């Protein structure tokens, strides 16, 4: 893999910011992990998913096709929110102060068809360390289908990526379950980064969870409802789930004003800024004052705060948002934020359209 390091000798920005954030939690005498706000979300989302699944399994044959498809789409939205709120915090160790609770809740990743171990390595280690670094960050490695930064190779189909991109995003969860996890598992690599060795327990969890997912989302529905009803429902669920997951994560980094860096395997690269400044410059917030969006996406509209403090639960991001902004202003660091989700989506559309043009 490319060797990339940061200029962390003088971490004045992050040290100042961390001190202010730590002071906030000490002053208010609260933990950095989840609280009743997060646990109440879990109490709403998890039973909702189970209830909708049961209704579809046992009563969809007596429903109209439109209602059944609509319920499948709603289930996709609920599963996505479980991923944003429960799985994401748990995988970062911020859901609870108890390790076993985090490990248990992190397995909700497997409910979505993924694998917790692979996701943690891909997201926590690779993406959060090397954000928007082309050649390392797996989240922007969609080539040849999508060109997401200027250093990626341009291909003629990219001229239309602003048209087919969102259609492609809808297949995210299907690709995740049927292709990407297995590719990473057998290659033992995330993009260009070799994975840490999986022990026997993780191998067992990988295969058992994949079989359980296939049983609950493929075998049982087919045996209960038949092949065609299952197929339409499964596709509707996953297109909704995939599009929702992809759009939220794309708005975090592939928008206007965020930085991208290219690294190759020949020459080691030392980024001139400290790691924390790199995180701010490669990340963007969206709709920070929209309470419904903040609730639904698990605070992932506060991506700047999340990338600076991934082990702090998203429940606290609105509170530390002002601290981060003030510290960025103090150090003259541009803070990327879109007031609404619509503006962020429009920005993403513009940047992928621009990147789709043939370079001069």
Protein backbone atom coordinates (compact mmCIF):
# COMPACT_ATOMS: atom_id res chain seq x y z
CA UNK A 1 0.00 0.00 0.00
CA UNK A 2 1.14 3.63 -0.43
CA UNK A 3 2.96 4.96 2.60
CA UNK A 4 1.26 8.11 3.88
CA UNK A 5 2.16 10.06 7.03
CA UNK A 6 0.97 13.33 8.55
CA UNK A 7 2.89 16.24 10.02
CA UNK A 8 1.81 15.53 13.59
CA UNK A 9 4.91 16.97 15.23
CA UNK A 10 3.01 20.13 16.15
CA UNK A 11 -0.62 19.20 16.82
CA UNK A 12 -1.57 22.64 18.12
CA UNK A 13 -4.97 22.66 16.38
CA UNK A 14 -6.12 19.28 17.66
CA UNK A 15 -4.63 19.76 21.12
CA UNK A 16 -6.51 23.05 21.50
CA UNK A 17 -9.73 21.55 20.14
CA UNK A 18 -9.53 18.40 22.24
CA UNK A 19 -8.91 20.43 25.38
CA UNK A 20 -12.05 22.52 24.73
CA UNK A 21 -14.17 19.45 23.97
CA UNK A 22 -12.90 17.61 27.04
CA UNK A 23 -13.73 20.66 29.12
CA UNK A 24 -17.29 20.65 27.75
CA UNK A 25 -17.86 17.05 28.89
CA UNK A 26 -16.21 17.67 32.26
CA UNK A 27 -18.25 20.84 32.89
CA UNK A 28 -21.53 19.09 32.08
CA UNK A 29 -20.44 15.88 33.85
CA UNK A 30 -21.53 13.62 30.99
CA UNK A 31 -19.98 10.64 29.26
CA UNK A 32 -18.79 10.81 25.67
CA UNK A 33 -20.66 7.63 24.81
CA UNK A 34 -24.37 7.18 24.06
CA UNK A 35 -27.19 8.21 26.37
CA UNK A 36 -30.97 7.80 26.59
CA UNK A 37 -31.30 9.66 23.27
CA UNK A 38 -29.37 6.94 21.45
CA UNK A 39 -30.91 4.06 23.37
CA UNK A 40 -34.42 5.35 22.69
CA UNK A 41 -33.60 5.33 18.97
CA UNK A 42 -32.58 1.69 19.27
CA UNK A 43 -35.82 0.95 21.14
CA UNK A 44 -37.79 2.46 18.24
CA UNK A 45 -35.81 1.27 15.22
CA UNK A 46 -35.09 -2.37 16.13
CA UNK A 47 -38.70 -3.35 17.00
CA UNK A 48 -39.93 -1.42 13.95
CA UNK A 49 -37.70 -3.47 11.66
CA UNK A 50 -38.84 -6.74 13.26
CA UNK A 51 -42.50 -5.74 13.06
CA UNK A 52 -42.35 -4.70 9.41
CA UNK A 53 -40.44 -7.87 8.53
CA UNK A 54 -43.10 -10.01 10.28
CA UNK A 55 -45.95 -8.17 8.56
CA UNK A 56 -44.35 -8.68 5.17
CA UNK A 57 -43.65 -12.33 5.87
CA UNK A 58 -47.09 -13.32 7.17
CA UNK A 59 -49.56 -10.78 5.77
CA UNK A 60 -48.16 -9.41 2.50
CA UNK A 61 -50.02 -12.07 0.47
CA UNK A 62 -53.28 -10.39 1.48
CA UNK A 63 -52.01 -6.88 0.64
CA UNK A 64 -51.98 -4.98 -2.60
CA UNK A 65 -48.69 -5.14 -4.47
CA UNK A 66 -48.20 -1.39 -4.04
CA UNK A 67 -48.60 -1.57 -0.25
CA UNK A 68 -46.25 -4.56 0.03
CA UNK A 69 -43.56 -2.81 -2.05
CA UNK A 70 -44.02 0.35 0.00
CA UNK A 71 -43.50 -1.61 3.22
CA UNK A 72 -40.34 -3.15 1.75
CA UNK A 73 -39.04 0.35 1.01
CA UNK A 74 -39.91 1.49 4.53
CA UNK A 75 -38.02 -1.52 5.92
CA UNK A 76 -35.04 -0.43 3.81
CA UNK A 77 -35.20 3.06 5.35
CA UNK A 78 -35.43 1.61 8.87
CA UNK A 79 -32.48 -0.75 8.32
CA UNK A 80 -30.42 2.15 6.98
CA UNK A 81 -31.20 4.16 10.10
CA UNK A 82 -30.16 1.20 12.27
CA UNK A 83 -26.88 1.25 10.37
CA UNK A 84 -26.44 4.99 10.89
CA UNK A 85 -27.42 5.07 14.54
CA UNK A 86 -26.71 1.73 16.16
CA UNK A 87 -24.13 -0.07 14.05
CA UNK A 88 -22.02 2.98 13.30
CA UNK A 89 -21.68 4.17 16.90
CA UNK A 90 -21.15 0.62 18.16
CA UNK A 91 -18.41 -0.12 15.62
CA UNK A 92 -16.60 3.04 16.75
CA UNK A 93 -16.95 2.00 20.40
CA UNK A 94 -19.08 5.05 21.19
CA UNK A 95 -22.50 3.41 21.67
CA UNK A 96 -21.76 2.47 25.28
CA UNK A 97 -18.96 2.70 27.82
CA UNK A 98 -19.20 -1.10 28.09
CA UNK A 99 -17.16 -2.96 25.51
CA UNK A 100 -19.43 -6.01 25.32
CA UNK A 101 -22.42 -3.78 24.55
CA UNK A 102 -20.53 -2.16 21.68
CA UNK A 103 -19.47 -5.54 20.32
CA UNK A 104 -23.03 -6.87 20.50
CA UNK A 105 -24.62 -3.82 18.88
CA UNK A 106 -21.90 -3.73 16.21
CA UNK A 107 -23.20 -7.07 14.95
CA UNK A 108 -26.20 -5.17 13.58
CA UNK A 109 -23.87 -4.63 10.61
CA UNK A 110 -24.42 -8.30 9.82
CA UNK A 111 -28.17 -7.66 9.83
CA UNK A 112 -27.59 -5.37 6.84
CA UNK A 113 -25.72 -8.15 5.06
CA UNK A 114 -22.25 -6.89 5.90
CA UNK A 115 -19.53 -8.02 8.27
CA UNK A 116 -18.49 -6.11 11.37
CA UNK A 117 -14.82 -7.09 11.29
CA UNK A 118 -14.30 -6.07 7.67
CA UNK A 119 -16.35 -2.90 8.10
CA UNK A 120 -14.32 -1.82 11.13
CA UNK A 121 -11.06 -2.26 9.27
CA UNK A 122 -12.34 -0.57 6.11
CA UNK A 123 -14.05 2.33 7.89
CA UNK A 124 -12.39 2.89 11.27
CA UNK A 125 -8.81 2.24 10.23
CA UNK A 126 -8.50 2.95 6.50
CA UNK A 127 -11.16 5.58 5.82
CA UNK A 128 -10.82 7.53 9.06
CA UNK A 129 -7.03 7.64 8.83
CA UNK A 130 -6.62 8.28 5.11
CA UNK A 131 -9.77 10.23 4.29
CA UNK A 132 -10.04 11.25 0.62
CA UNK A 133 -6.55 9.98 -0.16
CA UNK A 134 -6.81 8.45 -3.61
CA UNK A 135 -4.97 5.16 -3.71
CA UNK A 136 -5.74 4.30 -0.07
CA UNK A 137 -9.29 5.37 0.93
CA UNK A 138 -11.62 2.57 -0.17
CA UNK A 139 -14.67 4.85 0.06
CA UNK A 140 -13.61 6.79 -3.04
CA UNK A 141 -12.33 3.74 -4.90
CA UNK A 142 -15.34 3.24 -7.19
CA UNK A 143 -13.31 3.42 -10.40
CA UNK A 144 -13.84 2.46 -13.18
CA UNK A 145 -17.57 2.99 -12.57
CA UNK A 146 -17.24 6.42 -10.95
CA UNK A 147 -14.52 9.09 -11.06
CA UNK A 148 -14.58 10.86 -7.70
CA UNK A 149 -11.45 12.99 -7.78
CA UNK A 150 -9.19 14.54 -10.40
CA UNK A 151 -6.31 12.11 -9.94
CA UNK A 152 -8.43 9.09 -10.86
CA UNK A 153 -8.25 7.86 -14.44
CA UNK A 154 -10.90 9.29 -16.75
CA UNK A 155 -12.90 6.93 -18.94
CA UNK A 156 -15.51 7.86 -21.63
CA UNK A 157 -18.49 6.50 -19.61
CA UNK A 158 -17.68 9.02 -16.86
CA UNK A 159 -19.24 11.71 -19.06
CA UNK A 160 -22.60 10.31 -17.94
CA UNK A 161 -21.79 9.52 -14.30
CA UNK A 162 -23.91 12.42 -13.06
CA UNK A 163 -26.84 10.66 -14.73
CA UNK A 164 -26.20 7.05 -13.72
CA UNK A 165 -24.41 7.72 -10.42
CA UNK A 166 -27.47 7.75 -8.20
CA UNK A 167 -28.81 4.62 -9.93
CA UNK A 168 -25.49 2.96 -9.20
CA UNK A 169 -25.64 4.05 -5.56
CA UNK A 170 -28.94 2.20 -5.17
CA UNK A 171 -27.09 -1.11 -5.66
CA UNK A 172 -24.73 -0.42 -2.74
CA UNK A 173 -26.17 -2.95 -0.28
CA UNK A 174 -26.54 -5.66 -2.94
CA UNK A 175 -22.92 -5.15 -3.99
CA UNK A 176 -21.90 -5.06 -0.34
CA UNK A 177 -23.43 -8.46 0.44
CA UNK A 178 -22.81 -10.32 -2.83
CA UNK A 179 -19.47 -8.87 -3.98
CA UNK A 180 -17.46 -6.47 -1.82
CA UNK A 181 -17.37 -8.37 1.47
CA UNK A 182 -16.39 -11.62 -0.25
CA UNK A 183 -13.74 -9.86 -2.34
CA UNK A 184 -12.17 -8.34 0.77
CA UNK A 185 -12.54 -11.60 2.70
CA UNK A 186 -10.76 -13.78 0.14
CA UNK A 187 -8.14 -11.16 -0.80
CA UNK A 188 -7.65 -10.17 2.85
CA UNK A 189 -7.21 -6.62 1.61
CA UNK A 190 -9.21 -3.37 1.66
CA UNK A 191 -8.35 -1.63 -1.60
CA UNK A 192 -4.54 -1.38 -1.27
CA UNK A 193 -4.28 -2.05 2.47
CA UNK A 194 -3.71 -5.62 3.77
CA UNK A 195 -6.19 -6.50 6.50
CA UNK A 196 -5.15 -7.62 9.95
CA UNK A 197 -5.43 -11.39 10.22
CA UNK A 198 -8.88 -12.70 11.11
CA UNK A 199 -8.91 -15.27 13.90
CA UNK A 200 -11.08 -18.41 13.89
CA UNK A 201 -13.92 -16.65 15.71
CA UNK A 202 -14.13 -13.94 13.06
CA UNK A 203 -14.10 -16.50 10.24
CA UNK A 204 -16.99 -18.33 11.91
CA UNK A 205 -18.94 -15.09 12.45
CA UNK A 206 -18.40 -14.14 8.79
CA UNK A 207 -19.85 -17.36 7.38
CA UNK A 208 -22.58 -17.90 9.97
CA UNK A 209 -23.86 -14.33 9.61
CA UNK A 210 -23.85 -14.57 5.81
CA UNK A 211 -25.85 -17.80 6.01
CA UNK A 212 -28.27 -16.30 8.52
CA UNK A 213 -28.76 -13.24 6.32
CA UNK A 214 -29.46 -15.49 3.33
CA UNK A 215 -31.88 -17.52 5.44
CA UNK A 216 -33.88 -14.56 6.78
CA UNK A 217 -33.86 -12.41 3.67
CA UNK A 218 -33.85 -15.03 0.90
CA UNK A 219 -34.76 -18.61 1.87
CA UNK A 220 -37.55 -17.99 4.41
CA UNK A 221 -39.32 -15.27 2.35
CA UNK A 222 -39.19 -17.43 -0.80
CA UNK A 223 -40.60 -20.46 1.05
CA UNK A 224 -43.33 -18.32 2.63
CA UNK A 225 -44.27 -16.02 -0.26
CA UNK A 226 -42.91 -17.54 -3.45
CA UNK A 227 -40.12 -16.60 -5.80
CA UNK A 228 -41.56 -13.55 -7.60
CA UNK A 229 -43.02 -11.71 -4.56
CA UNK A 230 -39.72 -12.21 -2.76
CA UNK A 231 -37.68 -10.94 -5.72
CA UNK A 232 -39.64 -7.71 -6.09
CA UNK A 233 -39.64 -7.14 -2.33
CA UNK A 234 -35.94 -7.92 -1.92
CA UNK A 235 -34.99 -5.57 -4.74
CA UNK A 236 -37.23 -2.77 -3.42
CA UNK A 237 -35.78 -3.13 0.08
CA UNK A 238 -32.16 -3.13 -1.08
CA UNK A 239 -32.47 -0.34 -3.62
CA UNK A 240 -33.92 1.86 -0.88
CA UNK A 241 -31.32 0.74 1.65
CA UNK A 242 -28.43 1.09 -0.78
CA UNK A 243 -29.39 4.53 -2.09
CA UNK A 244 -29.92 5.87 1.43
CA UNK A 245 -26.58 4.57 2.72
CA UNK A 246 -24.62 5.73 -0.32
CA UNK A 247 -26.06 9.24 -0.53
CA UNK A 248 -25.43 9.99 3.15
CA UNK A 249 -21.81 8.84 2.95
CA UNK A 250 -21.15 10.57 -0.39
CA UNK A 251 -22.32 13.90 1.03
CA UNK A 252 -19.62 13.66 3.68
CA UNK A 253 -16.63 13.84 1.34
CA UNK A 254 -17.42 13.99 -2.38
CA UNK A 255 -18.77 17.52 -2.51
CA UNK A 256 -17.41 20.89 -3.54
CA UNK A 257 -14.68 22.49 -1.37
CA UNK A 258 -13.46 19.23 0.18
CA UNK A 259 -9.82 18.34 -0.50
CA UNK A 260 -8.47 15.23 -2.19
CA UNK A 261 -4.93 13.91 -2.10
CA UNK A 262 -3.27 11.34 -4.34
CA UNK A 263 -0.80 8.75 -3.08
CA UNK A 264 1.03 6.14 -5.13
CA UNK A 265 2.97 3.03 -4.19
CA UNK A 266 6.31 4.37 -5.40
CA UNK A 267 7.09 7.44 -3.34
CA UNK A 268 6.17 7.78 0.37
CA UNK A 269 3.94 10.80 0.99
CA UNK A 270 4.03 13.13 3.97
CA UNK A 271 0.99 15.38 4.18
CA UNK A 272 2.00 18.87 5.30
CA UNK A 273 -0.85 19.24 7.79
CA UNK A 274 -1.55 17.44 11.01
CA UNK A 275 -4.10 14.62 10.77
CA UNK A 276 -6.90 16.67 12.34
CA UNK A 277 -6.57 19.53 9.84
CA UNK A 278 -6.64 16.98 7.02
CA UNK A 279 -9.92 15.62 8.43
CA UNK A 280 -11.53 19.07 8.47
CA UNK A 281 -10.42 19.88 4.92
CA UNK A 282 -11.61 16.58 3.46
CA UNK A 283 -15.00 16.49 5.17
CA UNK A 284 -18.30 18.40 5.06
CA UNK A 285 -21.43 18.72 7.16
CA UNK A 286 -24.97 19.02 5.82
CA UNK A 287 -28.32 20.09 7.27
CA UNK A 288 -26.93 20.56 10.81
CA UNK A 289 -30.06 22.32 12.06
CA UNK A 290 -32.54 19.81 10.65
CA UNK A 291 -33.54 17.78 13.70
CA UNK A 292 -35.27 15.01 11.76
CA UNK A 293 -32.27 14.42 9.49
CA UNK A 294 -29.92 14.50 12.49
CA UNK A 295 -32.11 11.91 14.23
CA UNK A 296 -32.47 9.67 11.19
CA UNK A 297 -28.85 9.65 9.95
CA UNK A 298 -27.37 9.22 13.40
CA UNK A 299 -25.54 12.53 13.43
CA UNK A 300 -23.69 11.67 10.21
CA UNK A 301 -24.67 15.09 8.94
CA UNK A 302 -22.03 16.29 11.44
CA UNK A 303 -19.22 14.53 9.61
CA UNK A 304 -16.54 17.07 10.56
CA UNK A 305 -17.16 16.44 14.26
CA UNK A 306 -17.37 12.71 13.64
CA UNK A 307 -14.05 12.54 11.81
CA UNK A 308 -12.32 14.54 14.52
CA UNK A 309 -13.90 12.58 17.38
CA UNK A 310 -15.06 9.18 16.07
CA UNK A 311 -15.16 7.71 19.58
CA UNK A 312 -17.63 10.32 20.79
CA UNK A 313 -21.26 9.31 20.25
CA UNK A 314 -23.11 11.21 17.55
CA UNK A 315 -25.65 12.26 20.20
CA UNK A 316 -23.14 14.91 21.34
CA UNK A 317 -22.15 16.32 17.95
CA UNK A 318 -24.68 19.19 17.86
CA UNK A 319 -23.33 20.37 21.22
CA UNK A 320 -19.64 20.34 20.22
CA UNK A 321 -20.34 21.70 16.72
CA UNK A 322 -19.88 25.30 17.87
CA UNK A 323 -16.62 24.44 19.68
CA UNK A 324 -15.21 22.90 16.50
CA UNK A 325 -16.29 25.88 14.37
CA UNK A 326 -14.76 28.38 16.79
CA UNK A 327 -11.47 26.49 16.93
CA UNK A 328 -11.32 26.22 13.14
CA UNK A 329 -11.87 29.98 12.90
CA UNK A 330 -9.16 30.54 15.50
CA UNK A 331 -6.66 28.57 13.38
CA UNK A 332 -7.97 29.98 10.07
CA UNK A 333 -9.11 26.56 8.82
CA UNK A 334 -12.01 26.46 6.35
CA UNK A 335 -15.04 24.62 7.75
CA UNK A 336 -17.21 22.94 5.10
CA UNK A 337 -20.93 22.93 5.76
CA UNK A 338 -24.11 22.93 3.66
CA UNK A 339 -27.19 24.41 5.38
CA UNK A 340 -29.56 21.87 3.80
CA UNK A 341 -29.37 18.32 2.50
CA UNK A 342 -30.69 19.49 -0.87
CA UNK A 343 -27.73 21.87 -1.23
CA UNK A 344 -25.30 19.10 -0.36
CA UNK A 345 -26.87 16.74 -2.92
CA UNK A 346 -26.73 19.49 -5.56
CA UNK A 347 -23.05 20.02 -4.74
CA UNK A 348 -22.33 16.32 -5.08
CA UNK A 349 -24.15 16.26 -8.41
CA UNK A 350 -22.12 19.23 -9.68
CA UNK A 351 -18.78 17.76 -8.65
CA UNK A 352 -19.36 14.32 -10.21
CA UNK A 353 -20.61 16.06 -13.37
CA UNK A 354 -17.46 18.18 -13.49
CA UNK A 355 -15.23 15.16 -12.84
CA UNK A 356 -17.03 13.33 -15.66
CA UNK A 357 -15.70 15.80 -18.23
CA UNK A 358 -12.69 14.71 -20.22
CA UNK A 359 -9.58 16.34 -18.73
CA UNK A 360 -7.86 18.88 -20.97
